[in-house]
């Protein structure tokens, strides 16, 4: 049996115990500011591969899957970047 290709879109990201602790602490509401940043960084950069190239030459389905992951990351980045004060002011 061949080894899985780590660049395949469906391949899970590599993680460290500190990444797992940060995600679990975020979910339970007990994350420190540093853990919150680590959890978001892990999700945006490793889970979603937001800034990675989506194109996978071996398969259009791999490309589509990778683009779905990237889209999720872009939505997180968008929400982190939105100026809520400007939106509230525009609505009033």
PDB file of N, CA and C in Angstrom:
ATOM      1  N   UNK A   1       0.851  -1.185   0.000  1.00  0.00           N
ATOM      2  CA  UNK A   1       0.000   0.000   0.000  1.00  0.00           C
ATOM      3  C   UNK A   1       0.892   1.241   0.000  1.00  0.00           C
ATOM      4  N   UNK A   2       0.547   2.217  -0.812  1.00  0.00           N
ATOM      5  CA  UNK A   2       1.353   3.428  -0.900  1.00  0.00           C
ATOM      6  C   UNK A   2       1.049   4.373   0.255  1.00  0.00           C
ATOM      7  N   UNK A   3       2.039   5.205   0.559  1.00  0.00           N
ATOM      8  CA  UNK A   3       1.866   6.205   1.616  1.00  0.00           C
ATOM      9  C   UNK A   3       0.948   7.315   1.115  1.00  0.00           C
ATOM     10  N   UNK A   4       0.142   7.887   2.018  1.00  0.00           N
ATOM     11  CA  UNK A   4      -0.707   9.005   1.585  1.00  0.00           C
ATOM     12  C   UNK A   4       0.147  10.226   1.243  1.00  0.00           C
ATOM     13  N   UNK A   5      -0.309  10.972   0.286  1.00  0.00           N
ATOM     14  CA  UNK A   5       0.380  12.186  -0.133  1.00  0.00           C
ATOM     15  C   UNK A   5       0.041  13.314   0.843  1.00  0.00           C
ATOM     16  N   UNK A   6       1.044  13.820   1.600  1.00  0.00           N
ATOM     17  CA  UNK A   6       0.736  14.867   2.586  1.00  0.00           C
ATOM     18  C   UNK A   6       0.254  16.174   1.972  1.00  0.00           C
ATOM     19  N   UNK A   7       0.425  16.352   0.660  1.00  0.00           N
ATOM     20  CA  UNK A   7      -0.095  17.568   0.024  1.00  0.00           C
ATOM     21  C   UNK A   7      -1.522  17.382  -0.484  1.00  0.00           C
ATOM     22  N   UNK A   8      -2.069  16.180  -0.322  1.00  0.00           N
ATOM     23  CA  UNK A   8      -3.451  15.936  -0.735  1.00  0.00           C
ATOM     24  C   UNK A   8      -4.388  16.810   0.096  1.00  0.00           C
ATOM     25  N   UNK A   9      -5.412  17.315  -0.541  1.00  0.00           N
ATOM     26  CA  UNK A   9      -6.320  18.260   0.120  1.00  0.00           C
ATOM     27  C   UNK A   9      -7.021  17.666   1.331  1.00  0.00           C
ATOM     28  N   UNK A  10      -7.271  16.370   1.317  1.00  0.00           N
ATOM     29  CA  UNK A  10      -7.995  15.735   2.424  1.00  0.00           C
ATOM     30  C   UNK A  10      -7.065  15.269   3.547  1.00  0.00           C
ATOM     31  N   UNK A  11      -5.764  15.410   3.359  1.00  0.00           N
ATOM     32  CA  UNK A  11      -4.804  14.952   4.362  1.00  0.00           C
ATOM     33  C   UNK A  11      -4.885  15.862   5.589  1.00  0.00           C
ATOM     34  N   UNK A  12      -5.014  15.298   6.790  1.00  0.00           N
ATOM     35  CA  UNK A  12      -5.128  16.148   7.981  1.00  0.00           C
ATOM     36  C   UNK A  12      -3.826  16.896   8.265  1.00  0.00           C
ATOM     37  N   UNK A  13      -3.926  18.063   8.877  1.00  0.00           N
ATOM     38  CA  UNK A  13      -2.714  18.838   9.163  1.00  0.00           C
ATOM     39  C   UNK A  13      -1.894  18.191  10.273  1.00  0.00           C
ATOM     40  N   UNK A  14      -0.606  18.452  10.252  1.00  0.00           N
ATOM     41  CA  UNK A  14       0.223  18.013  11.374  1.00  0.00           C
ATOM     42  C   UNK A  14      -0.073  18.948  12.545  1.00  0.00           C
ATOM     43  N   UNK A  15      -0.006  18.414  13.744  1.00  0.00           N
ATOM     44  CA  UNK A  15      -0.317  19.215  14.923  1.00  0.00           C
ATOM     45  C   UNK A  15       0.612  18.826  16.062  1.00  0.00           C
ATOM     46  N   UNK A  16       0.688  19.719  17.017  1.00  0.00           N
ATOM     47  CA  UNK A  16       1.466  19.494  18.230  1.00  0.00           C
ATOM     48  C   UNK A  16       0.488  19.449  19.392  1.00  0.00           C
ATOM     49  N   UNK A  17       0.881  18.843  20.499  1.00  0.00           N
ATOM     50  CA  UNK A  17      -0.014  18.819  21.663  1.00  0.00           C
ATOM     51  C   UNK A  17      -0.498  20.213  22.078  1.00  0.00           C
ATOM     52  N   UNK A  18       0.342  21.223  21.918  1.00  0.00           N
ATOM     53  CA  UNK A  18      -0.064  22.589  22.279  1.00  0.00           C
ATOM     54  C   UNK A  18      -1.194  23.093  21.380  1.00  0.00           C
ATOM     55  N   UNK A  19      -1.228  22.639  20.122  1.00  0.00           N
ATOM     56  CA  UNK A  19      -2.326  23.016  19.220  1.00  0.00           C
ATOM     57  C   UNK A  19      -3.638  22.411  19.710  1.00  0.00           C
ATOM     58  N   UNK A  20      -3.580  21.134  20.084  1.00  0.00           N
ATOM     59  CA  UNK A  20      -4.777  20.441  20.586  1.00  0.00           C
ATOM     60  C   UNK A  20      -5.269  21.107  21.862  1.00  0.00           C
ATOM     61  N   UNK A  21      -4.357  21.407  22.769  1.00  0.00           N
ATOM     62  CA  UNK A  21      -4.722  22.055  24.036  1.00  0.00           C
ATOM     63  C   UNK A  21      -5.362  23.418  23.766  1.00  0.00           C
ATOM     64  N   UNK A  22      -4.806  24.164  22.823  1.00  0.00           N
ATOM     65  CA  UNK A  22      -5.350  25.486  22.496  1.00  0.00           C
ATOM     66  C   UNK A  22      -6.769  25.381  21.945  1.00  0.00           C
ATOM     67  N   UNK A  23      -7.008  24.432  21.044  1.00  0.00           N
ATOM     68  CA  UNK A  23      -8.347  24.240  20.465  1.00  0.00           C
ATOM     69  C   UNK A  23      -9.333  23.800  21.541  1.00  0.00           C
ATOM     70  N   UNK A  24      -8.926  22.838  22.365  1.00  0.00           N
ATOM     71  CA  UNK A  24      -9.816  22.339  23.419  1.00  0.00           C
ATOM     72  C   UNK A  24     -10.113  23.418  24.453  1.00  0.00           C
ATOM     73  N   UNK A  25      -9.115  24.212  24.800  1.00  0.00           N
ATOM     74  CA  UNK A  25      -9.326  25.297  25.765  1.00  0.00           C
ATOM     75  C   UNK A  25     -10.215  26.386  25.186  1.00  0.00           C
ATOM     76  N   UNK A  26     -10.071  26.651  23.899  1.00  0.00           N
ATOM     77  CA  UNK A  26     -10.942  27.623  23.235  1.00  0.00           C
ATOM     78  C   UNK A  26     -12.389  27.147  23.285  1.00  0.00           C
ATOM     79  N   UNK A  27     -12.597  25.874  23.002  1.00  0.00           N
ATOM     80  CA  UNK A  27     -13.951  25.309  22.990  1.00  0.00           C
ATOM     81  C   UNK A  27     -14.593  25.318  24.369  1.00  0.00           C
ATOM     82  N   UNK A  28     -13.795  25.146  25.413  1.00  0.00           N
ATOM     83  CA  UNK A  28     -14.340  25.109  26.772  1.00  0.00           C
ATOM     84  C   UNK A  28     -14.395  26.495  27.416  1.00  0.00           C
ATOM     85  N   UNK A  29     -13.914  27.515  26.704  1.00  0.00           N
ATOM     86  CA  UNK A  29     -13.944  28.870  27.239  1.00  0.00           C
ATOM     87  C   UNK A  29     -12.860  29.152  28.260  1.00  0.00           C
ATOM     88  N   UNK A  30     -11.813  28.345  28.271  1.00  0.00           N
ATOM     89  CA  UNK A  30     -10.747  28.491  29.261  1.00  0.00           C
ATOM     90  C   UNK A  30      -9.404  28.863  28.646  1.00  0.00           C
ATOM     91  N   UNK A  31      -9.384  29.263  27.390  1.00  0.00           N
ATOM     92  CA  UNK A  31      -8.123  29.573  26.711  1.00  0.00           C
ATOM     93  C   UNK A  31      -7.579  30.928  27.142  1.00  0.00           C
ATOM     94  N   UNK A  32      -6.271  30.968  27.365  1.00  0.00           N
ATOM     95  CA  UNK A  32      -5.592  32.233  27.632  1.00  0.00           C
ATOM     96  C   UNK A  32      -5.535  33.017  26.319  1.00  0.00           C
ATOM     97  N   UNK A  33      -5.206  34.301  26.368  1.00  0.00           N
ATOM     98  CA  UNK A  33      -5.066  35.046  25.114  1.00  0.00           C
ATOM     99  C   UNK A  33      -4.071  34.397  24.144  1.00  0.00           C
ATOM    100  N   UNK A  34      -2.972  33.871  24.669  1.00  0.00           N
ATOM    101  CA  UNK A  34      -1.981  33.214  23.813  1.00  0.00           C
ATOM    102  C   UNK A  34      -2.556  31.948  23.181  1.00  0.00           C
ATOM    103  N   UNK A  35      -3.320  31.191  23.961  1.00  0.00           N
ATOM    104  CA  UNK A  35      -3.939  29.966  23.441  1.00  0.00           C
ATOM    105  C   UNK A  35      -4.989  30.301  22.382  1.00  0.00           C
ATOM    106  N   UNK A  36      -5.734  31.383  22.592  1.00  0.00           N
ATOM    107  CA  UNK A  36      -6.727  31.798  21.603  1.00  0.00           C
ATOM    108  C   UNK A  36      -6.051  32.119  20.273  1.00  0.00           C
ATOM    109  N   UNK A  37      -4.942  32.851  20.341  1.00  0.00           N
ATOM    110  CA  UNK A  37      -4.202  33.199  19.127  1.00  0.00           C
ATOM    111  C   UNK A  37      -3.638  31.952  18.457  1.00  0.00           C
ATOM    112  N   UNK A  38      -3.120  31.031  19.266  1.00  0.00           N
ATOM    113  CA  UNK A  38      -2.569  29.794  18.702  1.00  0.00           C
ATOM    114  C   UNK A  38      -3.665  28.979  18.019  1.00  0.00           C
ATOM    115  N   UNK A  39      -4.838  28.897  18.652  1.00  0.00           N
ATOM    116  CA  UNK A  39      -5.947  28.133  18.078  1.00  0.00           C
ATOM    117  C   UNK A  39      -6.380  28.731  16.741  1.00  0.00           C
ATOM    118  N   UNK A  40      -6.541  30.047  16.689  1.00  0.00           N
ATOM    119  CA  UNK A  40      -6.933  30.694  15.432  1.00  0.00           C
ATOM    120  C   UNK A  40      -5.863  30.523  14.365  1.00  0.00           C
ATOM    121  N   UNK A  41      -4.606  30.690  14.750  1.00  0.00           N
ATOM    122  CA  UNK A  41      -3.513  30.515  13.801  1.00  0.00           C
ATOM    123  C   UNK A  41      -3.505  29.091  13.247  1.00  0.00           C
ATOM    124  N   UNK A  42      -3.709  28.110  14.111  1.00  0.00           N
ATOM    125  CA  UNK A  42      -3.739  26.714  13.679  1.00  0.00           C
ATOM    126  C   UNK A  42      -4.891  26.479  12.701  1.00  0.00           C
ATOM    127  N   UNK A  43      -6.068  26.991  13.034  1.00  0.00           N
ATOM    128  CA  UNK A  43      -7.227  26.793  12.156  1.00  0.00           C
ATOM    129  C   UNK A  43      -7.035  27.479  10.803  1.00  0.00           C
ATOM    130  N   UNK A  44      -6.592  28.721  10.831  1.00  0.00           N
ATOM    131  CA  UNK A  44      -6.464  29.496   9.596  1.00  0.00           C
ATOM    132  C   UNK A  44      -5.331  28.986   8.713  1.00  0.00           C
ATOM    133  N   UNK A  45      -4.187  28.703   9.317  1.00  0.00           N
ATOM    134  CA  UNK A  45      -3.010  28.362   8.522  1.00  0.00           C
ATOM    135  C   UNK A  45      -2.791  26.874   8.279  1.00  0.00           C
ATOM    136  N   UNK A  46      -3.168  26.033   9.225  1.00  0.00           N
ATOM    137  CA  UNK A  46      -2.897  24.601   9.050  1.00  0.00           C
ATOM    138  C   UNK A  46      -4.143  23.799   8.680  1.00  0.00           C
ATOM    139  N   UNK A  47      -5.248  24.050   9.345  1.00  0.00           N
ATOM    140  CA  UNK A  47      -6.467  23.290   9.030  1.00  0.00           C
ATOM    141  C   UNK A  47      -7.044  23.748   7.690  1.00  0.00           C
ATOM    142  N   UNK A  48      -7.202  25.048   7.529  1.00  0.00           N
ATOM    143  CA  UNK A  48      -7.838  25.582   6.318  1.00  0.00           C
ATOM    144  C   UNK A  48      -6.862  25.843   5.175  1.00  0.00           C
ATOM    145  N   UNK A  49      -5.563  25.909   5.472  1.00  0.00           N
ATOM    146  CA  UNK A  49      -4.558  26.221   4.442  1.00  0.00           C
ATOM    147  C   UNK A  49      -4.956  27.475   3.660  1.00  0.00           C
ATOM    148  N   UNK A  50      -5.378  28.489   4.391  1.00  0.00           N
ATOM    149  CA  UNK A  50      -5.934  29.706   3.804  1.00  0.00           C
ATOM    150  C   UNK A  50      -5.016  30.366   2.786  1.00  0.00           C
ATOM    151  N   UNK A  51      -3.736  30.394   3.062  1.00  0.00           N
ATOM    152  CA  UNK A  51      -2.802  31.104   2.183  1.00  0.00           C
ATOM    153  C   UNK A  51      -2.022  30.152   1.273  1.00  0.00           C
ATOM    154  N   UNK A  52      -2.478  28.915   1.186  1.00  0.00           N
ATOM    155  CA  UNK A  52      -1.862  27.915   0.325  1.00  0.00           C
ATOM    156  C   UNK A  52      -2.524  27.961  -1.051  1.00  0.00           C
ATOM    157  N   UNK A  53      -1.822  27.491  -2.047  1.00  0.00           N
ATOM    158  CA  UNK A  53      -2.389  27.388  -3.386  1.00  0.00           C
ATOM    159  C   UNK A  53      -3.380  26.235  -3.409  1.00  0.00           C
ATOM    160  N   UNK A  54      -4.596  26.479  -3.851  1.00  0.00           N
ATOM    161  CA  UNK A  54      -5.636  25.448  -3.875  1.00  0.00           C
ATOM    162  C   UNK A  54      -5.443  24.436  -4.998  1.00  0.00           C
ATOM    163  N   UNK A  55      -4.817  24.853  -6.075  1.00  0.00           N
ATOM    164  CA  UNK A  55      -4.679  23.985  -7.244  1.00  0.00           C
ATOM    165  C   UNK A  55      -3.898  22.722  -6.899  1.00  0.00           C
ATOM    166  N   UNK A  56      -4.460  21.576  -7.260  1.00  0.00           N
ATOM    167  CA  UNK A  56      -3.795  20.284  -7.105  1.00  0.00           C
ATOM    168  C   UNK A  56      -3.745  19.650  -8.493  1.00  0.00           C
ATOM    169  N   UNK A  57      -2.567  19.530  -9.087  1.00  0.00           N
ATOM    170  CA  UNK A  57      -2.467  19.061 -10.473  1.00  0.00           C
ATOM    171  C   UNK A  57      -2.936  17.629 -10.682  1.00  0.00           C
ATOM    172  N   UNK A  58      -2.938  16.822  -9.631  1.00  0.00           N
ATOM    173  CA  UNK A  58      -3.303  15.417  -9.812  1.00  0.00           C
ATOM    174  C   UNK A  58      -4.803  15.185  -9.952  1.00  0.00           C
ATOM    175  N   UNK A  59      -5.634  16.158  -9.508  1.00  0.00           N
ATOM    176  CA  UNK A  59      -7.073  15.912  -9.549  1.00  0.00           C
ATOM    177  C   UNK A  59      -7.855  17.202  -9.377  1.00  0.00           C
ATOM    178  N   UNK A  60      -8.871  17.383 -10.227  1.00  0.00           N
ATOM    179  CA  UNK A  60      -9.725  18.558 -10.056  1.00  0.00           C
ATOM    180  C   UNK A  60     -10.541  18.449  -8.773  1.00  0.00           C
ATOM    181  N   UNK A  61     -10.846  17.236  -8.350  1.00  0.00           N
ATOM    182  CA  UNK A  61     -11.587  17.062  -7.092  1.00  0.00           C
ATOM    183  C   UNK A  61     -10.733  17.465  -5.893  1.00  0.00           C
ATOM    184  N   UNK A  62      -9.443  17.159  -5.961  1.00  0.00           N
ATOM    185  CA  UNK A  62      -8.525  17.598  -4.905  1.00  0.00           C
ATOM    186  C   UNK A  62      -8.489  19.126  -4.857  1.00  0.00           C
ATOM    187  N   UNK A  63      -8.475  19.747  -6.031  1.00  0.00           N
ATOM    188  CA  UNK A  63      -8.473  21.208  -6.097  1.00  0.00           C
ATOM    189  C   UNK A  63      -9.745  21.776  -5.475  1.00  0.00           C
ATOM    190  N   UNK A  64     -10.885  21.203  -5.802  1.00  0.00           N
ATOM    191  CA  UNK A  64     -12.165  21.673  -5.266  1.00  0.00           C
ATOM    192  C   UNK A  64     -12.196  21.500  -3.748  1.00  0.00           C
ATOM    193  N   UNK A  65     -11.720  20.369  -3.263  1.00  0.00           N
ATOM    194  CA  UNK A  65     -11.689  20.122  -1.825  1.00  0.00           C
ATOM    195  C   UNK A  65     -10.778  21.141  -1.135  1.00  0.00           C
ATOM    196  N   UNK A  66      -9.600  21.376  -1.719  1.00  0.00           N
ATOM    197  CA  UNK A  66      -8.663  22.350  -1.158  1.00  0.00           C
ATOM    198  C   UNK A  66      -9.267  23.748  -1.158  1.00  0.00           C
ATOM    199  N   UNK A  67     -10.012  24.076  -2.196  1.00  0.00           N
ATOM    200  CA  UNK A  67     -10.641  25.397  -2.262  1.00  0.00           C
ATOM    201  C   UNK A  67     -11.724  25.540  -1.201  1.00  0.00           C
ATOM    202  N   UNK A  68     -12.416  24.461  -0.890  1.00  0.00           N
ATOM    203  CA  UNK A  68     -13.399  24.497   0.196  1.00  0.00           C
ATOM    204  C   UNK A  68     -12.747  24.781   1.538  1.00  0.00           C
ATOM    205  N   UNK A  69     -11.613  24.135   1.796  1.00  0.00           N
ATOM    206  CA  UNK A  69     -10.873  24.402   3.030  1.00  0.00           C
ATOM    207  C   UNK A  69     -10.436  25.866   3.072  1.00  0.00           C
ATOM    208  N   UNK A  70      -9.893  26.334   1.953  1.00  0.00           N
ATOM    209  CA  UNK A  70      -9.398  27.706   1.869  1.00  0.00           C
ATOM    210  C   UNK A  70     -10.530  28.718   2.060  1.00  0.00           C
ATOM    211  N   UNK A  71     -11.696  28.434   1.480  1.00  0.00           N
ATOM    212  CA  UNK A  71     -12.854  29.312   1.628  1.00  0.00           C
ATOM    213  C   UNK A  71     -13.216  29.476   3.105  1.00  0.00           C
ATOM    214  N   UNK A  72     -13.194  28.382   3.843  1.00  0.00           N
ATOM    215  CA  UNK A  72     -13.497  28.439   5.275  1.00  0.00           C
ATOM    216  C   UNK A  72     -12.505  29.344   5.991  1.00  0.00           C
ATOM    217  N   UNK A  73     -11.236  29.203   5.679  1.00  0.00           N
ATOM    218  CA  UNK A  73     -10.217  30.057   6.284  1.00  0.00           C
ATOM    219  C   UNK A  73     -10.412  31.517   5.935  1.00  0.00           C
ATOM    220  N   UNK A  74     -10.768  31.777   4.684  1.00  0.00           N
ATOM    221  CA  UNK A  74     -11.004  33.160   4.269  1.00  0.00           C
ATOM    222  C   UNK A  74     -12.188  33.778   5.006  1.00  0.00           C
ATOM    223  N   UNK A  75     -13.200  32.979   5.305  1.00  0.00           N
ATOM    224  CA  UNK A  75     -14.345  33.493   6.067  1.00  0.00           C
ATOM    225  C   UNK A  75     -13.920  33.859   7.486  1.00  0.00           C
ATOM    226  N   UNK A  76     -13.059  33.036   8.089  1.00  0.00           N
ATOM    227  CA  UNK A  76     -12.547  33.360   9.427  1.00  0.00           C
ATOM    228  C   UNK A  76     -11.735  34.650   9.395  1.00  0.00           C
ATOM    229  N   UNK A  77     -10.853  34.781   8.409  1.00  0.00           N
ATOM    230  CA  UNK A  77     -10.034  35.988   8.279  1.00  0.00           C
ATOM    231  C   UNK A  77     -10.922  37.209   8.053  1.00  0.00           C
ATOM    232  N   UNK A  78     -11.954  37.060   7.240  1.00  0.00           N
ATOM    233  CA  UNK A  78     -12.889  38.162   6.978  1.00  0.00           C
ATOM    234  C   UNK A  78     -13.554  38.624   8.270  1.00  0.00           C
ATOM    235  N   UNK A  79     -14.036  37.664   9.067  1.00  0.00           N
ATOM    236  CA  UNK A  79     -14.703  38.023  10.320  1.00  0.00           C
ATOM    237  C   UNK A  79     -13.747  38.682  11.303  1.00  0.00           C
ATOM    238  N   UNK A  80     -12.484  38.289  11.262  1.00  0.00           N
ATOM    239  CA  UNK A  80     -11.482  38.912  12.128  1.00  0.00           C
ATOM    240  C   UNK A  80     -11.153  40.333  11.682  1.00  0.00           C
ATOM    241  N   UNK A  81     -11.408  40.636  10.413  1.00  0.00           N
ATOM    242  CA  UNK A  81     -11.028  41.930   9.841  1.00  0.00           C
ATOM    243  C   UNK A  81     -12.164  42.943   9.763  1.00  0.00           C
ATOM    244  N   UNK A  82     -13.386  42.506   9.961  1.00  0.00           N
ATOM    245  CA  UNK A  82     -14.539  43.398   9.818  1.00  0.00           C
ATOM    246  C   UNK A  82     -14.507  44.502  10.878  1.00  0.00           C
ATOM    247  N   UNK A  83     -14.805  45.718  10.440  1.00  0.00           N
ATOM    248  CA  UNK A  83     -14.901  46.858  11.343  1.00  0.00           C
ATOM    249  C   UNK A  83     -16.360  46.963  11.803  1.00  0.00           C
ATOM    250  N   UNK A  84     -16.658  46.387  12.960  1.00  0.00           N
ATOM    251  CA  UNK A  84     -18.038  46.375  13.460  1.00  0.00           C
ATOM    252  C   UNK A  84     -18.574  47.773  13.742  1.00  0.00           C
ATOM    253  N   UNK A  85     -17.713  48.659  14.210  1.00  0.00           N
ATOM    254  CA  UNK A  85     -18.157  50.023  14.504  1.00  0.00           C
ATOM    255  C   UNK A  85     -18.656  50.707  13.232  1.00  0.00           C
ATOM    256  N   UNK A  86     -17.958  50.518  12.132  1.00  0.00           N
ATOM    257  CA  UNK A  86     -18.371  51.129  10.865  1.00  0.00           C
ATOM    258  C   UNK A  86     -19.690  50.541  10.380  1.00  0.00           C
ATOM    259  N   UNK A  87     -19.883  49.248  10.564  1.00  0.00           N
ATOM    260  CA  UNK A  87     -21.136  48.608  10.149  1.00  0.00           C
ATOM    261  C   UNK A  87     -22.297  49.129  10.990  1.00  0.00           C
ATOM    262  N   UNK A  88     -22.095  49.215  12.300  1.00  0.00           N
ATOM    263  CA  UNK A  88     -23.151  49.726  13.187  1.00  0.00           C
ATOM    264  C   UNK A  88     -23.489  51.167  12.843  1.00  0.00           C
ATOM    265  N   UNK A  89     -22.471  51.969  12.546  1.00  0.00           N
ATOM    266  CA  UNK A  89     -22.694  53.371  12.207  1.00  0.00           C
ATOM    267  C   UNK A  89     -23.447  53.488  10.878  1.00  0.00           C
ATOM    268  N   UNK A  90     -23.131  52.653   9.925  1.00  0.00           N
ATOM    269  CA  UNK A  90     -23.800  52.698   8.623  1.00  0.00           C
ATOM    270  C   UNK A  90     -25.264  52.298   8.734  1.00  0.00           C
ATOM    271  N   UNK A  91     -25.583  51.430   9.686  1.00  0.00           N
ATOM    272  CA  UNK A  91     -26.965  50.978   9.859  1.00  0.00           C
ATOM    273  C   UNK A  91     -27.814  51.986  10.624  1.00  0.00           C
ATOM    274  N   UNK A  92     -27.170  52.921  11.319  1.00  0.00           N
ATOM    275  CA  UNK A  92     -27.972  53.890  12.087  1.00  0.00           C
ATOM    276  C   UNK A  92     -28.165  55.188  11.361  1.00  0.00           C
TER     277      UNK A  92
END
